[in-house]
Amino acid sequence: MQYIFNFAAIKFILMTLDTQAVNLEKLLERNLKTAIISHFNPDGDAIGSAVGMYAYLRSKGQEPRIVMPSYGPECMDFLDPDKEITYFTRDKETAETVIRGSGLIICLDLNKTARTEQLAGLIAGSDAVKVMIDHHPAPETDGFSIVISDPGASSTCELLYRILMSFRSTGGCPEKLGLRTLTSLATGILTDTNNFNNSLTPYTFTAASEMLRAGVDFDFITNMVFRRYSEDRMRLMGHLLTNSMQIDRSLRASCMVMTLEDRRRFNFRDGDSEGFVNLPLMIGDVEISALFSQTEEFIRVSLRSKGNISVNAMAGRYFNGGGHERAAGGRLYMPVDQVRDYFFQSLEQFLQSSQQL
């Protein structure tokens, strides 16, 4: 049976949350061989929720495994000090063995298995019980026994914290989750809200307050995530803002393009561009920001907005992607020198069509 509910409706929460928590907790108590999986290019919310669930199950005497399709930002390495995460891009054989041998697969911070890239076929072909916990719109439900989705949550980590706190064994006591679980979930909340600036809910601050009282060191997390950048990253940021950022005042939009040459010149590492797309939104009359990052296979698209523009809808229509209303991404397959014109033309068309609705 599938369970889909929205935490944003408070009365609905009161009627259903306990029931959903009971079902998930009973499933976890079966002590199945568990694989915890998140999306390609995992961010703080993906890694935080995965490690948080992993640490919770470990505290219950279980031996789950985390499998990530690819590496995430190096600034998240403090969540995995003992290198317990298996990365498909580094160790394909082990990743495949873990997934094939699992009786339970928990997918976190993804609304479609396609977001796991090369792992999607393995997940679909597995006979394991499958669970999805996520905060992106329109979750895929086929093949999943339990789907817990709340697009209104600030992050998957906030959603997972709420679920774990509802477990009978936890009894609403955050200390019972353990400091590693709490720190991991706090990291995802901190990063997905851009340090408590975006996508906030009243429960975001409730969770953070409870975590703080339970011993989570938010100063430590902030230092590890936001204050360990390399000189190359800072110079890359300056280069993009000075030499790449183009603003169209009529569209109230900014566009930056990071080329392969930029990556080589500034010794780019995975995660180095995290947060760059948000910077142009600090400009008063910029309401949408786009960052296009060239790779060997495609151009990665990051979109952000601060007005009423749905970059989720725009990403789905023009950029082979999706996400949230004000934060989305996708991919393009075109020469990098055509990207700027395509973005501004697409945005103009999108705005005109939106005005006609």
Protein backbone atom coordinates (compact mmCIF):
# COMPACT_ATOMS: atom_id res chain seq x y z
CA MET A 1 0.00 0.00 0.00
CA GLN A 2 1.22 3.50 -0.80
CA TYR A 3 1.08 6.39 1.63
CA ILE A 4 1.29 9.95 0.35
CA PHE A 5 0.57 12.90 2.56
CA ASN A 6 1.33 16.58 2.88
CA PHE A 7 2.61 17.94 6.15
CA ALA A 8 1.56 21.45 5.16
CA ALA A 9 -2.08 20.75 6.07
CA ILE A 10 -1.96 20.71 9.85
CA LYS A 11 -5.26 18.88 10.45
CA PHE A 12 -4.21 16.26 7.93
CA ILE A 13 -0.95 15.81 9.82
CA LEU A 14 -2.76 15.15 13.05
CA MET A 15 -4.92 12.52 11.41
CA THR A 16 -2.28 10.70 9.39
CA LEU A 17 1.25 11.27 10.65
CA ASP A 18 1.05 8.76 13.48
CA THR A 19 -0.32 6.12 11.11
CA GLN A 20 2.40 6.69 8.53
CA ALA A 21 5.12 6.68 11.19
CA VAL A 22 3.81 3.40 12.59
CA ASN A 23 3.93 1.74 9.16
CA LEU A 24 7.46 2.94 8.42
CA GLU A 25 8.75 2.11 11.88
CA LYS A 26 7.30 -1.41 11.66
CA LEU A 27 8.99 -1.85 8.29
CA LEU A 28 12.34 -0.69 9.64
CA GLU A 29 12.00 -3.03 12.64
CA ARG A 30 11.99 -6.00 10.27
CA ASN A 31 15.77 -5.49 10.06
CA LEU A 32 15.94 -6.10 6.31
CA LYS A 33 19.21 -5.63 4.46
CA THR A 34 18.86 -1.96 3.62
CA ALA A 35 20.29 0.22 0.87
CA ILE A 36 19.92 3.99 1.30
CA ILE A 37 20.09 5.89 -1.98
CA SER A 38 19.85 9.51 -3.07
CA HIS A 39 20.18 11.46 -6.30
CA PHE A 40 23.04 12.05 -8.74
CA ASN A 41 25.30 14.96 -7.71
CA PRO A 42 24.09 14.75 -4.10
CA ASP A 43 23.87 18.00 -2.15
CA GLY A 44 23.75 18.62 1.58
CA ASP A 45 20.12 17.55 1.86
CA ALA A 46 20.75 14.31 -0.03
CA ILE A 47 23.86 13.38 1.94
CA GLY A 48 22.45 14.66 5.22
CA SER A 49 19.23 12.65 4.95
CA ALA A 50 21.10 9.52 3.81
CA VAL A 51 23.65 9.66 6.63
CA GLY A 52 20.92 10.62 9.09
CA MET A 53 18.85 7.54 8.20
CA TYR A 54 22.00 5.39 8.17
CA ALA A 55 23.04 6.57 11.64
CA TYR A 56 19.54 6.03 12.99
CA LEU A 57 19.42 2.44 11.73
CA ARG A 58 22.93 1.79 13.03
CA SER A 59 21.80 2.97 16.46
CA LYS A 60 19.17 0.22 16.28
CA GLY A 61 21.81 -2.44 15.70
CA GLN A 62 21.28 -2.71 11.96
CA GLU A 63 23.88 -2.62 9.19
CA PRO A 64 22.49 -0.51 6.34
CA ARG A 65 24.55 0.66 3.38
CA ILE A 66 24.56 4.02 1.61
CA VAL A 67 24.94 4.07 -2.18
CA MET A 68 25.30 7.36 -4.03
CA PRO A 69 25.30 7.57 -7.84
CA SER A 70 28.14 10.12 -7.79
CA TYR A 71 30.27 12.27 -5.52
CA GLY A 72 28.94 15.30 -3.69
CA PRO A 73 30.64 18.47 -2.44
CA GLU A 74 33.86 17.89 -0.52
CA CYS A 75 32.58 20.16 2.24
CA MET A 76 30.18 17.35 3.19
CA ASP A 77 32.98 14.88 3.93
CA PHE A 78 32.68 15.54 7.68
CA LEU A 79 29.37 13.63 7.63
CA ASP A 80 31.18 10.51 6.40
CA PRO A 81 34.51 10.46 8.27
CA ASP A 82 34.92 6.68 7.98
CA LYS A 83 34.14 6.59 4.23
CA GLU A 84 31.04 4.44 4.67
CA ILE A 85 29.32 5.75 1.53
CA THR A 86 29.71 3.67 -1.64
CA TYR A 87 29.87 5.77 -4.82
CA PHE A 88 28.76 4.13 -8.05
CA THR A 89 31.15 6.28 -10.07
CA ARG A 90 34.09 4.91 -8.07
CA ASP A 91 33.01 1.37 -7.19
CA LYS A 92 30.34 0.17 -9.59
CA GLU A 93 30.63 -3.49 -8.59
CA THR A 94 30.10 -2.89 -4.88
CA ALA A 95 27.22 -0.48 -5.52
CA GLU A 96 25.46 -3.01 -7.71
CA THR A 97 26.05 -5.83 -5.20
CA VAL A 98 24.60 -3.77 -2.35
CA ILE A 99 21.45 -2.87 -4.26
CA ARG A 100 20.88 -6.37 -5.64
CA GLY A 101 21.35 -7.90 -2.18
CA SER A 102 18.99 -5.53 -0.37
CA GLY A 103 15.55 -6.40 0.93
CA LEU A 104 14.72 -2.74 1.54
CA ILE A 105 15.64 0.28 -0.57
CA ILE A 106 15.11 3.74 0.90
CA CYS A 107 15.23 6.57 -1.64
CA LEU A 108 15.76 10.00 -0.12
CA ASP A 109 15.58 13.51 -1.57
CA LEU A 110 14.38 12.39 -5.00
CA ASN A 111 10.92 12.25 -6.52
CA LYS A 112 11.82 9.99 -9.44
CA THR A 113 14.26 7.08 -9.62
CA ALA A 114 15.55 8.59 -12.87
CA ARG A 115 17.36 11.11 -10.67
CA THR A 116 19.66 8.30 -9.53
CA GLU A 117 20.95 8.06 -13.13
CA GLN A 118 22.77 4.73 -13.57
CA LEU A 119 21.13 3.22 -10.47
CA ALA A 120 17.56 3.66 -11.76
CA GLY A 121 17.50 0.34 -13.61
CA LEU A 122 18.86 -1.54 -10.60
CA ILE A 123 16.24 0.01 -8.33
CA ALA A 124 13.41 -0.72 -10.75
CA GLY A 125 14.57 -4.31 -11.22
CA SER A 126 14.92 -5.05 -7.52
CA ASP A 127 12.33 -7.11 -5.65
CA ALA A 128 13.12 -5.20 -2.46
CA VAL A 129 10.50 -3.26 -0.54
CA LYS A 130 10.92 0.36 -1.63
CA VAL A 131 10.37 3.55 0.34
CA MET A 132 10.57 7.15 -0.90
CA ILE A 133 10.89 10.16 1.40
CA ASP A 134 11.15 13.49 -0.41
CA HIS A 135 10.07 17.12 -0.63
CA HIS A 136 9.95 17.66 -4.42
CA PRO A 137 6.62 18.01 -6.27
CA ALA A 138 4.89 15.16 -8.14
CA PRO A 139 6.57 12.08 -6.61
CA GLU A 140 6.76 8.87 -8.60
CA THR A 141 4.73 6.21 -6.80
CA ASP A 142 4.89 3.12 -9.02
CA GLY A 143 6.92 0.36 -7.40
CA PHE A 144 7.11 2.01 -3.98
CA SER A 145 5.41 0.53 -0.93
CA ILE A 146 5.60 3.75 1.08
CA VAL A 147 5.87 7.25 -0.39
CA ILE A 148 6.09 10.13 2.08
CA SER A 149 6.14 13.42 0.21
CA ASP A 150 5.80 17.01 1.38
CA PRO A 151 6.72 19.70 -1.18
CA GLY A 152 6.04 22.25 1.54
CA ALA A 153 8.92 21.05 3.71
CA SER A 154 12.12 23.07 3.63
CA SER A 155 14.15 19.94 2.97
CA THR A 156 14.05 16.18 3.00
CA CYS A 157 16.06 16.35 6.22
CA GLU A 158 13.32 18.40 7.89
CA LEU A 159 10.73 15.90 6.68
CA LEU A 160 12.79 12.91 7.85
CA TYR A 161 13.36 14.51 11.24
CA ARG A 162 9.64 14.98 11.65
CA ILE A 163 9.02 11.34 10.75
CA LEU A 164 11.70 9.96 13.09
CA MET A 165 10.42 12.15 15.92
CA SER A 166 7.00 10.55 15.45
CA PHE A 167 8.33 7.03 15.93
CA ARG A 168 7.09 5.19 18.98
CA SER A 169 10.66 4.39 20.03
CA THR A 170 11.63 8.06 19.84
CA GLY A 171 8.59 9.44 21.61
CA GLY A 172 9.27 12.99 20.48
CA CYS A 173 12.64 13.08 22.23
CA PRO A 174 15.38 14.30 19.84
CA GLU A 175 18.17 12.99 22.08
CA LYS A 176 16.99 9.46 21.31
CA LEU A 177 17.94 9.95 17.66
CA GLY A 178 21.61 10.36 18.54
CA LEU A 179 23.93 13.25 17.78
CA ARG A 180 25.18 11.90 14.45
CA THR A 181 21.65 11.56 13.10
CA LEU A 182 20.73 15.02 14.36
CA THR A 183 23.88 16.64 12.99
CA SER A 184 23.34 15.07 9.58
CA LEU A 185 19.71 16.20 9.41
CA ALA A 186 20.64 19.68 10.65
CA THR A 187 23.20 19.92 7.84
CA GLY A 188 20.57 19.18 5.20
CA ILE A 189 18.19 21.74 6.67
CA LEU A 190 20.95 24.34 6.82
CA THR A 191 22.09 23.81 3.22
CA ASP A 192 18.68 23.45 1.56
CA THR A 193 17.45 26.64 3.19
CA ASN A 194 20.65 28.47 2.17
CA ASN A 195 21.55 29.05 5.81
CA PHE A 196 17.94 29.74 6.86
CA ASN A 197 17.21 32.16 4.02
CA ASN A 198 14.92 30.18 1.69
CA SER A 199 11.99 27.72 1.78
CA LEU A 200 11.38 28.17 5.47
CA THR A 201 8.43 26.84 7.45
CA PRO A 202 7.55 27.33 11.12
CA TYR A 203 8.63 23.75 11.70
CA THR A 204 12.08 24.51 10.23
CA PHE A 205 12.83 26.66 13.25
CA THR A 206 11.10 24.27 15.65
CA ALA A 207 13.32 21.44 14.41
CA ALA A 208 16.46 23.59 14.55
CA SER A 209 15.62 24.70 18.09
CA GLU A 210 15.06 21.13 19.25
CA MET A 211 18.29 20.00 17.61
CA LEU A 212 20.19 22.86 19.25
CA ARG A 213 18.89 21.91 22.68
CA ALA A 214 19.83 18.29 22.00
CA GLY A 215 23.46 19.26 21.44
CA VAL A 216 23.80 19.94 17.70
CA ASP A 217 26.61 22.43 17.09
CA PHE A 218 25.29 24.69 14.33
CA ASP A 219 28.43 26.83 14.45
CA PHE A 220 30.48 23.73 13.67
CA ILE A 221 28.21 22.77 10.76
CA THR A 222 28.31 26.32 9.39
CA ASN A 223 32.10 26.35 9.54
CA MET A 224 32.37 22.97 7.84
CA VAL A 225 29.87 23.74 5.09
CA PHE A 226 30.28 27.45 4.36
CA ARG A 227 33.75 28.39 5.60
CA ARG A 228 36.15 25.81 4.16
CA TYR A 229 36.32 27.02 0.57
CA SER A 230 39.50 26.90 -1.44
CA GLU A 231 41.18 29.95 -2.91
CA ASP A 232 40.42 28.56 -6.39
CA ARG A 233 36.69 28.45 -5.59
CA MET A 234 36.67 32.05 -4.42
CA ARG A 235 38.52 33.18 -7.54
CA LEU A 236 36.13 31.19 -9.73
CA MET A 237 33.20 32.95 -8.05
CA GLY A 238 34.80 36.33 -8.69
CA HIS A 239 35.51 35.41 -12.30
CA LEU A 240 31.92 34.36 -12.98
CA LEU A 241 30.47 37.47 -11.34
CA THR A 242 32.88 39.81 -13.13
CA ASN A 243 33.32 38.22 -16.52
CA SER A 244 30.36 35.90 -17.06
CA MET A 245 27.31 37.40 -15.38
CA GLN A 246 24.99 38.99 -17.93
CA ILE A 247 21.85 40.79 -16.81
CA ASP A 248 18.78 41.48 -18.92
CA ARG A 249 16.97 44.30 -17.13
CA SER A 250 13.81 43.93 -19.19
CA LEU A 251 13.49 40.29 -18.10
CA ARG A 252 14.85 40.98 -14.61
CA ALA A 253 17.17 38.03 -15.14
CA SER A 254 20.81 37.08 -14.72
CA CYS A 255 22.78 34.41 -16.56
CA MET A 256 26.22 32.96 -15.85
CA VAL A 257 28.02 30.25 -17.84
CA MET A 258 30.89 28.17 -16.49
CA THR A 259 32.84 26.54 -19.31
CA LEU A 260 35.21 23.59 -19.32
CA GLU A 261 38.05 26.09 -19.62
CA ASP A 262 36.84 27.81 -16.44
CA ARG A 263 36.78 24.45 -14.67
CA ARG A 264 40.35 23.71 -15.70
CA ARG A 265 41.64 27.20 -14.95
CA PHE A 266 40.26 27.21 -11.41
CA ASN A 267 40.87 23.52 -10.60
CA PHE A 268 37.14 22.91 -10.24
CA ARG A 269 36.04 20.19 -7.82
CA ASP A 270 32.56 18.79 -7.32
CA GLY A 271 30.53 21.20 -5.23
CA ASP A 272 32.72 24.26 -5.87
CA SER A 273 29.88 26.12 -7.58
CA GLU A 274 27.36 25.39 -4.81
CA GLY A 275 25.44 28.59 -4.05
CA PHE A 276 26.78 30.60 -7.01
CA VAL A 277 23.38 30.70 -8.70
CA ASN A 278 21.91 32.51 -5.68
CA LEU A 279 24.36 35.41 -5.79
CA PRO A 280 22.73 37.50 -8.59
CA LEU A 281 19.45 37.43 -6.66
CA MET A 282 21.11 39.85 -4.24
CA ILE A 283 20.71 42.47 -6.97
CA GLY A 284 17.51 44.39 -6.34
CA ASP A 285 15.93 44.13 -9.77
CA VAL A 286 17.03 40.56 -10.57
CA GLU A 287 14.23 38.07 -9.95
CA ILE A 288 15.57 35.00 -11.75
CA SER A 289 19.10 33.67 -11.89
CA ALA A 290 20.56 30.93 -14.06
CA LEU A 291 23.92 29.17 -13.89
CA PHE A 292 24.97 26.88 -16.73
CA SER A 293 27.90 24.57 -16.04
CA GLN A 294 29.52 22.80 -18.98
CA THR A 295 30.62 19.19 -18.49
CA GLU A 296 32.04 16.71 -20.97
CA GLU A 297 28.60 15.15 -21.55
CA PHE A 298 26.05 17.95 -21.12
CA ILE A 299 25.41 21.39 -19.65
CA ARG A 300 24.08 21.39 -16.10
CA VAL A 301 21.34 23.92 -15.45
CA SER A 302 20.65 25.63 -12.11
CA LEU A 303 17.73 28.05 -11.79
CA ARG A 304 16.63 30.22 -8.86
CA SER A 305 13.96 32.90 -8.44
CA LYS A 306 12.77 35.24 -5.73
CA GLY A 307 9.52 36.47 -7.27
CA ASN A 308 6.49 34.65 -8.58
CA ILE A 309 8.35 32.91 -11.39
CA SER A 310 8.10 29.13 -11.20
CA VAL A 311 11.53 27.90 -12.21
CA ASN A 312 10.19 24.38 -11.66
CA ALA A 313 7.74 24.84 -14.54
CA MET A 314 10.39 26.55 -16.64
CA ALA A 315 12.91 23.77 -16.02
CA GLY A 316 10.38 21.16 -17.07
CA ARG A 317 9.43 23.01 -20.25
CA TYR A 318 12.82 24.14 -21.52
CA PHE A 319 15.64 22.46 -19.59
CA ASN A 320 14.81 18.75 -19.22
CA GLY A 321 14.46 19.05 -15.48
CA GLY A 322 12.40 20.23 -12.54
CA GLY A 323 12.57 20.88 -8.83
CA HIS A 324 10.86 23.44 -6.60
CA GLU A 325 8.95 26.60 -7.44
CA ARG A 326 11.96 28.82 -6.72
CA ALA A 327 14.82 26.34 -7.07
CA ALA A 328 15.15 23.92 -9.96
CA GLY A 329 17.64 22.35 -12.32
CA GLY A 330 18.04 20.39 -15.49
CA ARG A 331 20.29 19.65 -18.46
CA LEU A 332 20.95 20.98 -21.91
CA TYR A 333 22.56 19.28 -24.88
CA MET A 334 23.81 22.09 -27.10
CA PRO A 335 27.01 24.04 -27.80
CA VAL A 336 27.93 26.13 -24.80
CA ASP A 337 28.10 29.34 -26.85
CA GLN A 338 24.38 29.02 -27.62
CA VAL A 339 23.27 28.71 -24.01
CA ARG A 340 22.86 32.40 -23.13
CA ASP A 341 20.63 33.21 -26.10
CA TYR A 342 18.60 30.07 -25.49
CA PHE A 343 18.05 31.00 -21.84
CA PHE A 344 16.92 34.56 -22.44
CA GLN A 345 14.72 33.55 -25.39
CA SER A 346 13.17 30.74 -23.38
CA LEU A 347 12.57 33.00 -20.40
CA GLU A 348 10.91 35.65 -22.55
CA GLN A 349 8.67 33.03 -24.14
CA PHE A 350 7.88 31.51 -20.74
CA LEU A 351 6.95 34.86 -19.21
CA GLN A 352 4.74 35.76 -22.15
CA SER A 353 2.91 32.43 -21.99
CA SER A 354 2.49 32.78 -18.22
CA GLN A 355 0.90 36.21 -18.62
CA GLN A 356 -1.63 34.78 -21.03
CA LEU A 357 -2.82 32.11 -18.61
